[in-house]
Amino acid sequence: GEKLGFLDLAVGWIPLCLGVMEQVGEMKLFDA
């Protein structure tokens, strides 16, 4: 909702390292 919580921390891997995975794996999974 309006407050940072459990699921946000769990999903935090996406901005943290999904871009790195895309670079290493030469692929594109995530775009705006």
Full PDB file with SEQRES, HELIX, SHEET, SSBOND, CRYST1, ORIGX, SCALE, CONECT and MASTER records, all heavy atoms in Angstrom:
SEQRES   1 A   32  GLY GLU LYS LEU GLY PHE LEU ASP LEU ALA VAL GLY TRP          
SEQRES   2 A   32  ILE PRO LEU CYS LEU GLY VAL MET GLU GLN VAL GLY GLU          
SEQRES   3 A   32  MET LYS LEU PHE ASP ALA                                      
HELIX    1 AA1 PHE A    6  VAL A   11  1                                   6    
HELIX    2 AA2 TRP A   13  TRP A   13  1                                   1    
HELIX    3 AA3 ILE A   14  LEU A   18  3                                   5    
HELIX    4 AA4 GLY A   19  GLY A   25  1                                   7    
CRYST1    1.000    1.000    1.000  90.00  90.00  90.00 P 1           1          
ORIGX1      1.000000  0.000000  0.000000        0.00000                         
ORIGX2      0.000000  1.000000  0.000000        0.00000                         
ORIGX3      0.000000  0.000000  1.000000        0.00000                         
SCALE1      1.000000  0.000000  0.000000        0.00000                         
SCALE2      0.000000  1.000000  0.000000        0.00000                         
SCALE3      0.000000  0.000000  1.000000        0.00000                         
ATOM      1  N   GLY A   1       0.824  -1.208   0.000  1.00  0.00           N  
ATOM      2  CA  GLY A   1       0.000   0.000   0.000  1.00  0.00           C  
ATOM      3  C   GLY A   1       0.850   1.247   0.000  1.00  0.00           C  
ATOM      4  O   GLY A   1       1.569   1.537  -0.961  1.00  0.00           O  
ATOM      5  N   GLU A   2       0.838   1.979   1.096  1.00  0.00           N  
ATOM      6  CA  GLU A   2       1.562   3.252   1.182  1.00  0.00           C  
ATOM      7  C   GLU A   2       2.846   3.143   1.995  1.00  0.00           C  
ATOM      8  O   GLU A   2       3.550   4.141   2.168  1.00  0.00           O  
ATOM      9  CB  GLU A   2       0.657   4.319   1.809  1.00  0.00           C  
ATOM     10  CG  GLU A   2      -0.583   4.633   0.991  1.00  0.00           C  
ATOM     11  CD  GLU A   2      -0.238   5.134  -0.403  1.00  0.00           C  
ATOM     12  OE1 GLU A   2       0.681   5.980  -0.518  1.00  0.00           O  
ATOM     13  OE2 GLU A   2      -0.876   4.695  -1.375  1.00  0.00           O  
ATOM     14  N   LYS A   3       3.165   1.956   2.484  1.00  0.00           N  
ATOM     15  CA  LYS A   3       4.297   1.810   3.393  1.00  0.00           C  
ATOM     16  C   LYS A   3       5.214   0.691   2.931  1.00  0.00           C  
ATOM     17  O   LYS A   3       4.763  -0.387   2.551  1.00  0.00           O  
ATOM     18  CB  LYS A   3       3.769   1.519   4.808  1.00  0.00           C  
ATOM     19  CG  LYS A   3       4.819   1.531   5.893  1.00  0.00           C  
ATOM     20  CD  LYS A   3       4.148   1.300   7.241  1.00  0.00           C  
ATOM     21  CE  LYS A   3       5.176   1.272   8.362  1.00  0.00           C  
ATOM     22  NZ  LYS A   3       4.535   0.983   9.664  1.00  0.00           N  
ATOM     23  N   LEU A   4       6.520   0.957   2.966  1.00  0.00           N  
ATOM     24  CA  LEU A   4       7.520  -0.045   2.626  1.00  0.00           C  
ATOM     25  C   LEU A   4       7.388  -1.247   3.552  1.00  0.00           C  
ATOM     26  O   LEU A   4       7.255  -1.090   4.765  1.00  0.00           O  
ATOM     27  CB  LEU A   4       8.921   0.569   2.774  1.00  0.00           C  
ATOM     28  CG  LEU A   4      10.112  -0.234   2.277  1.00  0.00           C  
ATOM     29  CD1 LEU A   4      10.097  -0.336   0.762  1.00  0.00           C  
ATOM     30  CD2 LEU A   4      11.414   0.420   2.743  1.00  0.00           C  
ATOM     31  N   GLY A   5       7.417  -2.460   2.975  1.00  0.00           N  
ATOM     32  CA  GLY A   5       7.212  -3.632   3.819  1.00  0.00           C  
ATOM     33  C   GLY A   5       7.910  -4.890   3.323  1.00  0.00           C  
ATOM     34  O   GLY A   5       8.806  -4.849   2.474  1.00  0.00           O  
ATOM     35  N   PHE A   6       7.456  -6.001   3.857  1.00  0.00           N  
ATOM     36  CA  PHE A   6       8.043  -7.332   3.648  1.00  0.00           C  
ATOM     37  C   PHE A   6       8.209  -7.674   2.171  1.00  0.00           C  
ATOM     38  O   PHE A   6       9.293  -8.054   1.722  1.00  0.00           O  
ATOM     39  CB  PHE A   6       7.129  -8.348   4.339  1.00  0.00           C  
ATOM     40  CG  PHE A   6       7.598  -9.769   4.307  1.00  0.00           C  
ATOM     41  CD1 PHE A   6       8.528 -10.234   5.226  1.00  0.00           C  
ATOM     42  CD2 PHE A   6       7.076 -10.661   3.383  1.00  0.00           C  
ATOM     43  CE1 PHE A   6       8.939 -11.559   5.215  1.00  0.00           C  
ATOM     44  CE2 PHE A   6       7.483 -11.987   3.362  1.00  0.00           C  
ATOM     45  CZ  PHE A   6       8.419 -12.440   4.285  1.00  0.00           C  
ATOM     46  N   LEU A   7       7.136  -7.536   1.392  1.00  0.00           N  
ATOM     47  CA  LEU A   7       7.179  -7.932  -0.002  1.00  0.00           C  
ATOM     48  C   LEU A   7       8.075  -7.005  -0.826  1.00  0.00           C  
ATOM     49  O   LEU A   7       8.741  -7.455  -1.758  1.00  0.00           O  
ATOM     50  CB  LEU A   7       5.769  -7.988  -0.585  1.00  0.00           C  
ATOM     51  CG  LEU A   7       5.624  -8.557  -1.998  1.00  0.00           C  
ATOM     52  CD1 LEU A   7       6.309  -9.918  -2.134  1.00  0.00           C  
ATOM     53  CD2 LEU A   7       4.149  -8.668  -2.379  1.00  0.00           C  
ATOM     54  N   ASP A   8       8.122  -5.729  -0.472  1.00  0.00           N  
ATOM     55  CA  ASP A   8       9.017  -4.812  -1.171  1.00  0.00           C  
ATOM     56  C   ASP A   8      10.470  -5.257  -1.016  1.00  0.00           C  
ATOM     57  O   ASP A   8      11.237  -5.238  -1.983  1.00  0.00           O  
ATOM     58  CB  ASP A   8       8.859  -3.390  -0.624  1.00  0.00           C  
ATOM     59  CG  ASP A   8       7.468  -2.842  -0.840  1.00  0.00           C  
ATOM     60  OD1 ASP A   8       7.168  -2.431  -1.970  1.00  0.00           O  
ATOM     61  OD2 ASP A   8       6.676  -2.852   0.122  1.00  0.00           O  
ATOM     62  N   LEU A   9      10.845  -5.637   0.194  1.00  0.00           N  
ATOM     63  CA  LEU A   9      12.217  -6.081   0.424  1.00  0.00           C  
ATOM     64  C   LEU A   9      12.508  -7.367  -0.338  1.00  0.00           C  
ATOM     65  O   LEU A   9      13.603  -7.556  -0.868  1.00  0.00           O  
ATOM     66  CB  LEU A   9      12.471  -6.281   1.922  1.00  0.00           C  
ATOM     67  CG  LEU A   9      12.251  -5.063   2.823  1.00  0.00           C  
ATOM     68  CD1 LEU A   9      12.722  -5.359   4.244  1.00  0.00           C  
ATOM     69  CD2 LEU A   9      12.943  -3.828   2.276  1.00  0.00           C  
ATOM     70  N   ALA A  10      11.519  -8.259  -0.395  1.00  0.00           N  
ATOM     71  CA  ALA A  10      11.697  -9.520  -1.117  1.00  0.00           C  
ATOM     72  C   ALA A  10      11.882  -9.271  -2.613  1.00  0.00           C  
ATOM     73  O   ALA A  10      12.714  -9.900  -3.270  1.00  0.00           O  
ATOM     74  CB  ALA A  10      10.502 -10.441  -0.871  1.00  0.00           C  
ATOM     75  N   VAL A  11      11.109  -8.333  -3.169  1.00  0.00           N  
ATOM     76  CA  VAL A  11      11.144  -8.060  -4.607  1.00  0.00           C  
ATOM     77  C   VAL A  11      12.290  -7.110  -4.959  1.00  0.00           C  
ATOM     78  O   VAL A  11      12.573  -6.877  -6.133  1.00  0.00           O  
ATOM     79  CB  VAL A  11       9.779  -7.503  -5.077  1.00  0.00           C  
ATOM     80  CG1 VAL A  11       9.767  -7.179  -6.556  1.00  0.00           C  
ATOM     81  CG2 VAL A  11       8.671  -8.513  -4.784  1.00  0.00           C  
ATOM     82  N   GLY A  12      12.993  -6.611  -3.957  1.00  0.00           N  
ATOM     83  CA  GLY A  12      14.082  -5.668  -4.187  1.00  0.00           C  
ATOM     84  C   GLY A  12      15.210  -6.189  -5.055  1.00  0.00           C  
ATOM     85  O   GLY A  12      16.046  -5.405  -5.525  1.00  0.00           O  
ATOM     86  N   TRP A  13      15.247  -7.493  -5.304  1.00  0.00           N  
ATOM     87  CA  TRP A  13      16.276  -8.043  -6.195  1.00  0.00           C  
ATOM     88  C   TRP A  13      16.128  -7.529  -7.630  1.00  0.00           C  
ATOM     89  O   TRP A  13      17.110  -7.502  -8.376  1.00  0.00           O  
ATOM     90  CB  TRP A  13      16.202  -9.576  -6.220  1.00  0.00           C  
ATOM     91  CG  TRP A  13      14.988 -10.129  -6.910  1.00  0.00           C  
ATOM     92  CD1 TRP A  13      13.759 -10.336  -6.364  1.00  0.00           C  
ATOM     93  CD2 TRP A  13      14.886 -10.508  -8.291  1.00  0.00           C  
ATOM     94  NE1 TRP A  13      12.886 -10.835  -7.300  1.00  0.00           N  
ATOM     95  CE2 TRP A  13      13.553 -10.948  -8.494  1.00  0.00           C  
ATOM     96  CE3 TRP A  13      15.770 -10.524  -9.366  1.00  0.00           C  
ATOM     97  CZ2 TRP A  13      13.102 -11.397  -9.731  1.00  0.00           C  
ATOM     98  CZ3 TRP A  13      15.315 -10.963 -10.606  1.00  0.00           C  
ATOM     99  CH2 TRP A  13      13.997 -11.398 -10.776  1.00  0.00           C  
ATOM    100  N   ILE A  14      14.918  -7.093  -8.005  1.00  0.00           N  
ATOM    101  CA  ILE A  14      14.707  -6.657  -9.395  1.00  0.00           C  
ATOM    102  C   ILE A  14      15.517  -5.398  -9.705  1.00  0.00           C  
ATOM    103  O   ILE A  14      16.328  -5.399 -10.638  1.00  0.00           O  
ATOM    104  CB  ILE A  14      13.204  -6.473  -9.701  1.00  0.00           C  
ATOM    105  CG1 ILE A  14      12.486  -7.833  -9.600  1.00  0.00           C  
ATOM    106  CG2 ILE A  14      13.017  -5.865 -11.092  1.00  0.00           C  
ATOM    107  CD1 ILE A  14      10.983  -7.769  -9.828  1.00  0.00           C  
ATOM    108  N   PRO A  15      15.354  -4.301  -8.949  1.00  0.00           N  
ATOM    109  CA  PRO A  15      16.219  -3.146  -9.236  1.00  0.00           C  
ATOM    110  C   PRO A  15      17.667  -3.383  -8.837  1.00  0.00           C  
ATOM    111  O   PRO A  15      18.571  -2.729  -9.376  1.00  0.00           O  
ATOM    112  CB  PRO A  15      15.593  -2.018  -8.407  1.00  0.00           C  
ATOM    113  CG  PRO A  15      14.854  -2.707  -7.315  1.00  0.00           C  
ATOM    114  CD  PRO A  15      14.347  -3.992  -7.919  1.00  0.00           C  
ATOM    115  N   LEU A  16      17.897  -4.326  -7.928  1.00  0.00           N  
ATOM    116  CA  LEU A  16      19.246  -4.595  -7.449  1.00  0.00           C  
ATOM    117  C   LEU A  16      20.092  -5.325  -8.482  1.00  0.00           C  
ATOM    118  O   LEU A  16      21.216  -4.916  -8.778  1.00  0.00           O  
ATOM    119  CB  LEU A  16      19.183  -5.412  -6.156  1.00  0.00           C  
ATOM    120  CG  LEU A  16      20.511  -5.877  -5.542  1.00  0.00           C  
ATOM    121  CD1 LEU A  16      21.343  -4.669  -5.126  1.00  0.00           C  
ATOM    122  CD2 LEU A  16      20.263  -6.794  -4.353  1.00  0.00           C  
ATOM    123  N   CYS A  17      19.551  -6.403  -9.066  1.00  0.00           N  
ATOM    124  CA  CYS A  17      20.427  -7.227  -9.899  1.00  0.00           C  
ATOM    125  C   CYS A  17      19.798  -7.840 -11.145  1.00  0.00           C  
ATOM    126  O   CYS A  17      20.485  -8.571 -11.864  1.00  0.00           O  
ATOM    127  CB  CYS A  17      21.053  -8.338  -9.054  1.00  0.00           C  
ATOM    128  SG  CYS A  17      19.873  -9.482  -8.341  1.00  0.00           S  
ATOM    129  N   LEU A  18      18.541  -7.554 -11.451  1.00  0.00           N  
ATOM    130  CA  LEU A  18      17.985  -8.118 -12.673  1.00  0.00           C  
ATOM    131  C   LEU A  18      18.722  -7.589 -13.901  1.00  0.00           C  
ATOM    132  O   LEU A  18      18.984  -8.327 -14.860  1.00  0.00           O  
ATOM    133  CB  LEU A  18      16.487  -7.822 -12.784  1.00  0.00           C  
ATOM    134  CG  LEU A  18      15.787  -8.395 -14.030  1.00  0.00           C  
ATOM    135  CD1 LEU A  18      16.042  -9.884 -14.174  1.00  0.00           C  
ATOM    136  CD2 LEU A  18      14.284  -8.121 -13.979  1.00  0.00           C  
ATOM    137  N   GLY A  19      19.095  -6.309 -13.885  1.00  0.00           N  
ATOM    138  CA  GLY A  19      19.849  -5.745 -14.993  1.00  0.00           C  
ATOM    139  C   GLY A  19      21.194  -6.430 -15.187  1.00  0.00           C  
ATOM    140  O   GLY A  19      21.659  -6.604 -16.326  1.00  0.00           O  
ATOM    141  N   VAL A  20      21.810  -6.829 -14.072  1.00  0.00           N  
ATOM    142  CA  VAL A  20      23.081  -7.557 -14.143  1.00  0.00           C  
ATOM    143  C   VAL A  20      22.860  -8.930 -14.767  1.00  0.00           C  
ATOM    144  O   VAL A  20      23.632  -9.376 -15.621  1.00  0.00           O  
ATOM    145  CB  VAL A  20      23.716  -7.690 -12.743  1.00  0.00           C  
ATOM    146  CG1 VAL A  20      24.973  -8.547 -12.803  1.00  0.00           C  
ATOM    147  CG2 VAL A  20      24.036  -6.320 -12.167  1.00  0.00           C  
ATOM    148  N   MET A  21      21.796  -9.609 -14.357  1.00  0.00           N  
ATOM    149  CA  MET A  21      21.470 -10.916 -14.943  1.00  0.00           C  
ATOM    150  C   MET A  21      21.240 -10.784 -16.449  1.00  0.00           C  
ATOM    151  O   MET A  21      21.685 -11.625 -17.233  1.00  0.00           O  
ATOM    152  CB  MET A  21      20.212 -11.496 -14.295  1.00  0.00           C  
ATOM    153  CG  MET A  21      20.383 -12.015 -12.899  1.00  0.00           C  
ATOM    154  SD  MET A  21      18.866 -12.903 -12.407  1.00  0.00           S  
ATOM    155  CE  MET A  21      19.147 -13.077 -10.651  1.00  0.00           C  
ATOM    156  N   GLU A  22      20.527  -9.720 -16.843  1.00  0.00           N  
ATOM    157  CA  GLU A  22      20.267  -9.507 -18.262  1.00  0.00           C  
ATOM    158  C   GLU A  22      21.574  -9.321 -19.037  1.00  0.00           C  
ATOM    159  O   GLU A  22      21.734  -9.848 -20.143  1.00  0.00           O  
ATOM    160  CB  GLU A  22      19.368  -8.280 -18.454  1.00  0.00           C  
ATOM    161  CG  GLU A  22      17.932  -8.493 -17.983  1.00  0.00           C  
ATOM    162  CD  GLU A  22      17.078  -7.256 -18.137  1.00  0.00           C  
ATOM    163  OE1 GLU A  22      17.597  -6.139 -17.902  1.00  0.00           O  
ATOM    164  OE2 GLU A  22      15.901  -7.382 -18.488  1.00  0.00           O  
ATOM    165  N   GLN A  23      22.502  -8.588 -18.442  1.00  0.00           N  
ATOM    166  CA  GLN A  23      23.780  -8.351 -19.102  1.00  0.00           C  
ATOM    167  C   GLN A  23      24.590  -9.640 -19.210  1.00  0.00           C  
ATOM    168  O   GLN A  23      25.130  -9.948 -20.278  1.00  0.00           O  
ATOM    169  CB  GLN A  23      24.574  -7.290 -18.340  1.00  0.00           C  
ATOM    170  CG  GLN A  23      25.889  -6.908 -19.011  1.00  0.00           C  
ATOM    171  CD  GLN A  23      26.645  -5.842 -18.243  1.00  0.00           C  
ATOM    172  OE1 GLN A  23      26.181  -5.310 -17.236  1.00  0.00           O  
ATOM    173  NE2 GLN A  23      27.837  -5.509 -18.720  1.00  0.00           N  
ATOM    174  N   VAL A  24      24.674 -10.383 -18.118  1.00  0.00           N  
ATOM    175  CA  VAL A  24      25.444 -11.625 -18.119  1.00  0.00           C  
ATOM    176  C   VAL A  24      24.831 -12.648 -19.073  1.00  0.00           C  
ATOM    177  O   VAL A  24      25.542 -13.332 -19.823  1.00  0.00           O  
ATOM    178  CB  VAL A  24      25.537 -12.207 -16.692  1.00  0.00           C  
ATOM    179  CG1 VAL A  24      26.162 -13.600 -16.710  1.00  0.00           C  
ATOM    180  CG2 VAL A  24      26.344 -11.283 -15.787  1.00  0.00           C  
ATOM    181  N   GLY A  25      23.496 -12.743 -19.065  1.00  0.00           N  
ATOM    182  CA  GLY A  25      22.810 -13.731 -19.881  1.00  0.00           C  
ATOM    183  C   GLY A  25      22.475 -13.264 -21.284  1.00  0.00           C  
ATOM    184  O   GLY A  25      21.871 -14.017 -22.061  1.00  0.00           O  
ATOM    185  N   GLU A  26      22.881 -12.020 -21.615  1.00  0.00           N  
ATOM    186  CA  GLU A  26      22.626 -11.453 -22.942  1.00  0.00           C  
ATOM    187  C   GLU A  26      21.157 -11.627 -23.340  1.00  0.00           C  
ATOM    188  O   GLU A  26      20.825 -12.273 -24.341  1.00  0.00           O  
ATOM    189  CB  GLU A  26      23.558 -12.094 -23.988  1.00  0.00           C  
ATOM    190  CG  GLU A  26      25.029 -11.852 -23.704  1.00  0.00           C  
ATOM    191  CD  GLU A  26      25.935 -12.491 -24.737  1.00  0.00           C  
ATOM    192  OE1 GLU A  26      25.528 -13.514 -25.349  1.00  0.00           O  
ATOM    193  OE2 GLU A  26      27.042 -11.979 -24.951  1.00  0.00           O  
ATOM    194  N   MET A  27      20.281 -11.036 -22.544  1.00  0.00           N  
ATOM    195  CA  MET A  27      18.840 -11.187 -22.749  1.00  0.00           C  
ATOM    196  C   MET A  27      18.148  -9.929 -22.259  1.00  0.00           C  
ATOM    197  O   MET A  27      18.760  -9.065 -21.639  1.00  0.00           O  
ATOM    198  CB  MET A  27      18.325 -12.392 -21.961  1.00  0.00           C  
ATOM    199  CG  MET A  27      18.528 -12.260 -20.463  1.00  0.00           C  
ATOM    200  SD  MET A  27      17.978 -13.673 -19.506  1.00  0.00           S  
ATOM    201  CE  MET A  27      18.249 -13.073 -17.828  1.00  0.00           C  
ATOM    202  N   LYS A  28      16.850  -9.826 -22.522  1.00  0.00           N  
ATOM    203  CA  LYS A  28      16.044  -8.720 -22.018  1.00  0.00           C  
ATOM    204  C   LYS A  28      14.745  -9.267 -21.461  1.00  0.00           C  
ATOM    205  O   LYS A  28      13.958  -9.885 -22.177  1.00  0.00           O  
ATOM    206  CB  LYS A  28      15.761  -7.706 -23.136  1.00  0.00           C  
ATOM    207  CG  LYS A  28      15.091  -6.429 -22.645  1.00  0.00           C  
ATOM    208  CD  LYS A  28      15.994  -5.673 -21.682  1.00  0.00           C  
ATOM    209  CE  LYS A  28      15.350  -4.383 -21.195  1.00  0.00           C  
ATOM    210  NZ  LYS A  28      16.184  -3.666 -20.212  1.00  0.00           N  
ATOM    211  N   LEU A  29      14.535  -9.072 -20.166  1.00  0.00           N  
ATOM    212  CA  LEU A  29      13.316  -9.549 -19.505  1.00  0.00           C  
ATOM    213  C   LEU A  29      12.398  -8.400 -19.100  1.00  0.00           C  
ATOM    214  O   LEU A  29      11.182  -8.543 -19.090  1.00  0.00           O  
ATOM    215  CB  LEU A  29      13.667 -10.338 -18.235  1.00  0.00           C  
ATOM    216  CG  LEU A  29      14.398 -11.661 -18.364  1.00  0.00           C  
ATOM    217  CD1 LEU A  29      14.649 -12.233 -16.975  1.00  0.00           C  
ATOM    218  CD2 LEU A  29      13.594 -12.641 -19.196  1.00  0.00           C  
ATOM    219  N   PHE A  30      12.998  -7.279 -18.757  1.00  0.00           N  
ATOM    220  CA  PHE A  30      12.268  -6.256 -18.020  1.00  0.00           C  
ATOM    221  C   PHE A  30      12.385  -4.903 -18.706  1.00  0.00           C  
ATOM    222  O   PHE A  30      13.490  -4.426 -18.954  1.00  0.00           O  
ATOM    223  CB  PHE A  30      12.853  -6.176 -16.612  1.00  0.00           C  
ATOM    224  CG  PHE A  30      12.095  -5.294 -15.662  1.00  0.00           C  
ATOM    225  CD1 PHE A  30      10.796  -5.599 -15.300  1.00  0.00           C  
ATOM    226  CD2 PHE A  30      12.692  -4.162 -15.135  1.00  0.00           C  
ATOM    227  CE1 PHE A  30      10.095  -4.781 -14.419  1.00  0.00           C  
ATOM    228  CE2 PHE A  30      12.000  -3.347 -14.245  1.00  0.00           C  
ATOM    229  CZ  PHE A  30      10.700  -3.658 -13.898  1.00  0.00           C  
ATOM    230  N   ASP A  31      11.252  -4.296 -19.052  1.00  0.00           N  
ATOM    231  CA  ASP A  31      11.283  -2.952 -19.606  1.00  0.00           C  
ATOM    232  C   ASP A  31      10.041  -2.183 -19.154  1.00  0.00           C  
ATOM    233  O   ASP A  31       9.044  -2.765 -18.730  1.00  0.00           O  
ATOM    234  CB  ASP A  31      11.390  -2.970 -21.130  1.00  0.00           C  
ATOM    235  CG  ASP A  31      10.240  -3.708 -21.798  1.00  0.00           C  
ATOM    236  OD1 ASP A  31       9.090  -3.244 -21.675  1.00  0.00           O  
ATOM    237  OD2 ASP A  31      10.481  -4.754 -22.427  1.00  0.00           O  
ATOM    238  N   ALA A  32      10.133  -0.867 -19.273  1.00  0.00           N  
ATOM    239  CA  ALA A  32       9.073   0.006 -18.768  1.00  0.00           C  
ATOM    240  C   ALA A  32       7.774  -0.136 -19.543  1.00  0.00           C  
ATOM    241  O   ALA A  32       6.691   0.065 -18.996  1.00  0.00           O  
ATOM    242  CB  ALA A  32       9.555   1.456 -18.800  1.00  0.00           C  
TER     243      ALA A  32                                                      
MASTER        0    0    0    4    0    0    0    6  242    1    0    3          
END                                                                             
